[in-house]
Amino acid sequence: MLTDASNVELDRINALAQGRRAATGELGAQSAALPDRPYGLSAGDEVIFTASLSQPGQPRVENGTLGTVTSVSGKDRVSIETKGAQQRDAQLSTEEFGELRLAYAQHLYKAQGRTVDRSFVLTGGWQTDRKRAYVALTRAQERTDIYISREDIGAQRMDAGAIERLGRTMGESRAQQASVVTPEREQVCQLSRENYAENAMREPDKPAIRFLDTDLGTEQL
């Protein structure tokens, strides 16, 4: 699972992932144009519906449904086999219904509730806060890789404080605060956070989070 919170970056990552699959022969040669996206759709592509699809005599495909492109005909006709409780073969024109996106990389909140073996989290800048970090870092059972620029952790490269600086940033909340916050309530919240952190340190069996520096070829846990 790949996650990001920027639609522009999602399109770029999805296009790169699609290119890798095409290069290894995993996708069909024919492509259907997809409006407003820097890529088309080929047989074998994983997709997500970004709006509901209603067709006569067919169960509605809900927003957020995942699927696999099974065939492409002409410049805009595709068949998509949906996943989930109401699986169906949806046949549509991408010119008439363009609310589709490749699903190799998904918006962070679209991935909420999913459980995967491994996840890759691109974060940094405005994307780095407590709310987004919680969703992104709790999806994987085995391993989570975090990718972040040095601009967000300082110019010291992979020094011992890099993870600590990232952790502090991820611990900040950008949610709007209520107009009245009593000191007693804030004290309870602080104690809860400290208790959570202490308990987390006592659970050695939790999945590892790997922080990678791709230039230096080093990693820290």
Protein backbone atom coordinates (compact mmCIF):
# COMPACT_ATOMS: atom_id res chain seq x y z
CA MET A 1 0.00 0.00 0.00
CA LEU A 2 1.28 3.45 -0.96
CA THR A 3 -0.27 6.52 0.66
CA ASP A 4 -0.04 10.26 0.15
CA ALA A 5 -2.23 13.24 1.00
CA SER A 6 -1.58 15.30 -2.13
CA ASN A 7 -3.68 14.59 -5.24
CA VAL A 8 -0.91 15.89 -7.49
CA GLU A 9 1.66 13.58 -5.92
CA LEU A 10 -0.79 10.67 -6.01
CA ASP A 11 -1.12 11.04 -9.78
CA ARG A 12 2.67 11.11 -10.17
CA ILE A 13 3.23 8.06 -7.98
CA ASN A 14 0.46 6.13 -9.70
CA ALA A 15 1.87 6.96 -13.12
CA LEU A 16 5.30 5.72 -12.02
CA ALA A 17 3.85 2.50 -10.59
CA GLN A 18 1.87 1.91 -13.76
CA GLY A 19 5.00 2.46 -15.83
CA ARG A 20 6.88 -0.15 -13.81
CA ARG A 21 4.11 -2.71 -14.33
CA ALA A 22 3.91 -1.94 -18.05
CA ALA A 23 7.67 -2.37 -18.41
CA THR A 24 7.46 -5.89 -16.98
CA GLY A 25 4.60 -6.86 -19.29
CA GLU A 26 1.94 -7.04 -16.57
CA LEU A 27 -0.48 -4.69 -18.36
CA GLY A 28 -2.32 -4.83 -21.68
CA ALA A 29 -0.95 -2.90 -24.64
CA GLN A 30 -4.14 -0.93 -25.33
CA SER A 31 -4.95 2.11 -23.22
CA ALA A 32 -8.18 4.03 -22.62
CA ALA A 33 -7.82 7.77 -22.10
CA LEU A 34 -8.74 9.10 -18.67
CA PRO A 35 -9.65 12.80 -18.53
CA ASP A 36 -7.67 15.02 -16.14
CA ARG A 37 -5.14 12.31 -15.34
CA PRO A 38 -1.53 12.00 -16.54
CA TYR A 39 -2.17 8.36 -17.47
CA GLY A 40 -4.70 6.10 -19.19
CA LEU A 41 -6.07 2.71 -18.14
CA SER A 42 -4.91 -0.66 -19.40
CA ALA A 43 -6.05 -4.22 -18.74
CA GLY A 44 -4.53 -5.30 -15.43
CA ASP A 45 -4.52 -1.86 -13.84
CA GLU A 46 -5.76 -1.51 -10.26
CA VAL A 47 -8.25 1.37 -9.96
CA ILE A 48 -10.43 3.13 -7.41
CA PHE A 49 -13.78 4.84 -8.06
CA THR A 50 -13.69 8.45 -6.86
CA ALA A 51 -17.46 8.89 -7.26
CA SER A 52 -20.50 6.62 -7.25
CA LEU A 53 -21.48 4.92 -10.52
CA SER A 54 -25.16 4.19 -11.20
CA GLN A 55 -26.18 2.15 -14.25
CA PRO A 56 -29.68 0.87 -15.16
CA GLY A 57 -30.40 -2.60 -13.81
CA GLN A 58 -27.06 -2.80 -11.98
CA PRO A 59 -26.15 -2.36 -8.32
CA ARG A 60 -24.51 0.99 -7.69
CA VAL A 61 -20.74 1.10 -7.43
CA GLU A 62 -19.98 3.19 -4.37
CA ASN A 63 -17.36 5.90 -4.10
CA GLY A 64 -14.09 4.37 -2.88
CA THR A 65 -14.69 0.93 -4.45
CA LEU A 66 -11.56 -0.81 -5.68
CA GLY A 67 -11.40 -2.79 -8.91
CA THR A 68 -9.25 -4.28 -11.66
CA VAL A 69 -9.45 -3.34 -15.32
CA THR A 70 -10.17 -6.59 -17.16
CA SER A 71 -10.36 -5.30 -20.74
CA VAL A 72 -10.03 -2.17 -22.89
CA SER A 73 -11.69 -1.58 -26.25
CA GLY A 74 -11.57 1.49 -28.44
CA LYS A 75 -10.21 4.70 -27.03
CA ASP A 76 -12.46 4.93 -23.98
CA ARG A 77 -14.34 1.67 -23.27
CA VAL A 78 -13.23 -0.33 -20.23
CA SER A 79 -14.51 -3.26 -18.17
CA ILE A 80 -13.74 -3.19 -14.47
CA GLU A 81 -14.22 -6.07 -12.06
CA THR A 82 -15.03 -4.49 -8.71
CA LYS A 83 -13.95 -5.81 -5.32
CA GLY A 84 -15.85 -5.95 -2.07
CA ALA A 85 -19.26 -7.16 -0.94
CA GLN A 86 -21.09 -6.49 -4.23
CA GLN A 87 -18.66 -7.63 -6.89
CA ARG A 88 -19.72 -6.91 -10.45
CA ASP A 89 -18.35 -6.31 -13.92
CA ALA A 90 -18.83 -2.61 -14.67
CA GLN A 91 -18.58 -1.60 -18.31
CA LEU A 92 -18.26 2.10 -18.95
CA SER A 93 -16.87 4.88 -21.09
CA THR A 94 -14.11 6.92 -19.49
CA GLU A 95 -15.29 9.92 -21.51
CA GLU A 96 -18.74 9.71 -19.90
CA PHE A 97 -17.53 8.60 -16.45
CA GLY A 98 -14.02 9.76 -15.67
CA GLU A 99 -14.17 9.55 -11.87
CA LEU A 100 -11.49 6.87 -11.71
CA ARG A 101 -7.93 6.88 -10.45
CA LEU A 102 -5.18 4.29 -10.41
CA ALA A 103 -5.12 2.64 -6.99
CA TYR A 104 -1.45 1.73 -6.61
CA ALA A 105 -1.17 4.84 -4.44
CA GLN A 106 -4.24 5.99 -2.54
CA HIS A 107 -5.16 9.07 -0.60
CA LEU A 108 -4.30 8.64 3.05
CA TYR A 109 -7.90 8.72 4.25
CA LYS A 110 -9.07 6.33 1.51
CA ALA A 111 -6.76 3.79 3.14
CA GLN A 112 -8.32 4.27 6.58
CA GLY A 113 -9.59 0.97 7.92
CA ARG A 114 -7.41 -1.16 5.63
CA THR A 115 -4.91 -3.69 6.96
CA VAL A 116 -1.91 -4.65 4.82
CA ASP A 117 1.35 -6.54 5.33
CA ARG A 118 3.54 -3.62 4.28
CA SER A 119 3.00 0.08 3.62
CA PHE A 120 5.07 2.92 2.13
CA VAL A 121 4.30 6.36 3.52
CA LEU A 122 5.36 9.54 1.73
CA THR A 123 5.05 12.40 4.18
CA GLY A 124 6.49 15.82 4.94
CA GLY A 125 5.57 19.48 5.14
CA TRP A 126 1.85 20.09 5.59
CA GLN A 127 1.16 16.34 5.45
CA THR A 128 3.01 15.69 8.71
CA ASP A 129 0.78 15.90 11.75
CA ARG A 130 -0.73 13.65 14.41
CA LYS A 131 -3.97 12.87 12.58
CA ARG A 132 -2.42 11.86 9.27
CA ALA A 133 0.48 10.04 10.93
CA TYR A 134 -1.87 7.89 13.00
CA VAL A 135 -3.73 6.65 9.91
CA ALA A 136 -0.60 6.12 7.82
CA LEU A 137 1.50 4.35 10.46
CA THR A 138 -1.14 1.91 11.71
CA ARG A 139 -2.07 0.14 8.46
CA ALA A 140 0.75 -2.42 8.18
CA GLN A 141 1.14 -5.66 10.14
CA GLU A 142 4.78 -6.33 9.27
CA ARG A 143 6.60 -3.21 8.11
CA THR A 144 6.14 0.49 7.37
CA ASP A 145 8.64 2.52 5.32
CA ILE A 146 8.56 6.29 5.79
CA TYR A 147 9.87 8.58 3.05
CA ILE A 148 10.54 12.22 3.93
CA SER A 149 12.85 14.92 2.60
CA ARG A 150 15.80 16.29 4.56
CA GLU A 151 14.15 19.69 4.42
CA ASP A 152 11.64 18.35 6.95
CA ILE A 153 14.11 16.73 9.35
CA GLY A 154 17.05 19.10 9.07
CA ALA A 155 20.27 19.14 7.08
CA GLN A 156 22.07 16.75 9.42
CA ARG A 157 21.29 13.77 7.21
CA MET A 158 20.74 10.52 9.13
CA ASP A 159 22.00 11.63 12.53
CA ALA A 160 20.62 10.15 15.72
CA GLY A 161 18.08 12.95 16.15
CA ALA A 162 16.37 12.59 12.77
CA ILE A 163 13.69 10.19 13.94
CA GLU A 164 13.16 12.21 17.12
CA ARG A 165 12.61 15.39 15.10
CA LEU A 166 10.17 13.60 12.80
CA GLY A 167 8.37 12.14 15.82
CA ARG A 168 7.90 15.57 17.35
CA THR A 169 6.43 16.88 14.10
CA MET A 170 4.13 13.87 13.80
CA GLY A 171 2.96 14.43 17.35
CA GLU A 172 1.66 17.92 16.63
CA SER A 173 -2.04 18.42 16.03
CA ARG A 174 -3.30 20.81 13.37
CA ALA A 175 -6.92 20.35 14.26
CA GLN A 176 -8.80 23.48 15.26
CA GLN A 177 -8.94 23.80 19.01
CA ALA A 178 -12.22 24.39 20.81
CA SER A 179 -12.82 27.95 22.02
CA VAL A 180 -12.83 26.74 25.64
CA VAL A 181 -10.20 24.26 26.79
CA THR A 182 -9.91 23.91 30.56
CA PRO A 183 -6.49 23.35 32.19
CA GLU A 184 -7.84 20.19 33.84
CA ARG A 185 -8.84 18.67 30.50
CA GLU A 186 -5.50 19.53 28.94
CA GLN A 187 -3.72 17.89 31.89
CA VAL A 188 -5.74 14.68 31.45
CA CYS A 189 -4.93 14.64 27.72
CA GLN A 190 -1.23 15.09 28.46
CA LEU A 191 -1.25 12.24 30.98
CA SER A 192 -3.02 10.01 28.44
CA ARG A 193 -0.39 10.78 25.81
CA GLU A 194 2.44 10.04 28.25
CA ASN A 195 0.80 6.77 29.33
CA TYR A 196 0.34 5.72 25.69
CA ALA A 197 3.99 6.45 24.89
CA GLU A 198 5.17 4.49 27.95
CA ASN A 199 3.05 1.47 27.07
CA ALA A 200 4.16 1.56 23.44
CA MET A 201 7.80 1.29 24.55
CA ARG A 202 6.95 -1.88 26.46
CA GLU A 203 5.58 -3.75 23.44
CA PRO A 204 8.61 -5.17 21.60
CA ASP A 205 6.47 -7.32 19.32
CA LYS A 206 4.97 -4.32 17.51
CA PRO A 207 5.80 -4.15 13.77
CA ALA A 208 8.98 -2.25 12.92
CA ILE A 209 8.87 1.18 11.35
CA ARG A 210 11.82 1.66 9.05
CA PHE A 211 13.19 5.13 8.35
CA LEU A 212 15.26 5.08 5.18
CA ASP A 213 17.94 7.31 3.72
CA THR A 214 18.06 6.21 0.09
CA ASP A 215 21.17 8.25 -0.77
CA LEU A 216 23.35 6.90 2.01
CA GLY A 217 21.93 3.39 1.90
CA THR A 218 21.45 3.39 5.67
CA GLU A 219 18.46 2.71 7.85
CA GLN A 220 17.37 3.06 11.43
CA LEU A 221 14.59 1.35 13.37
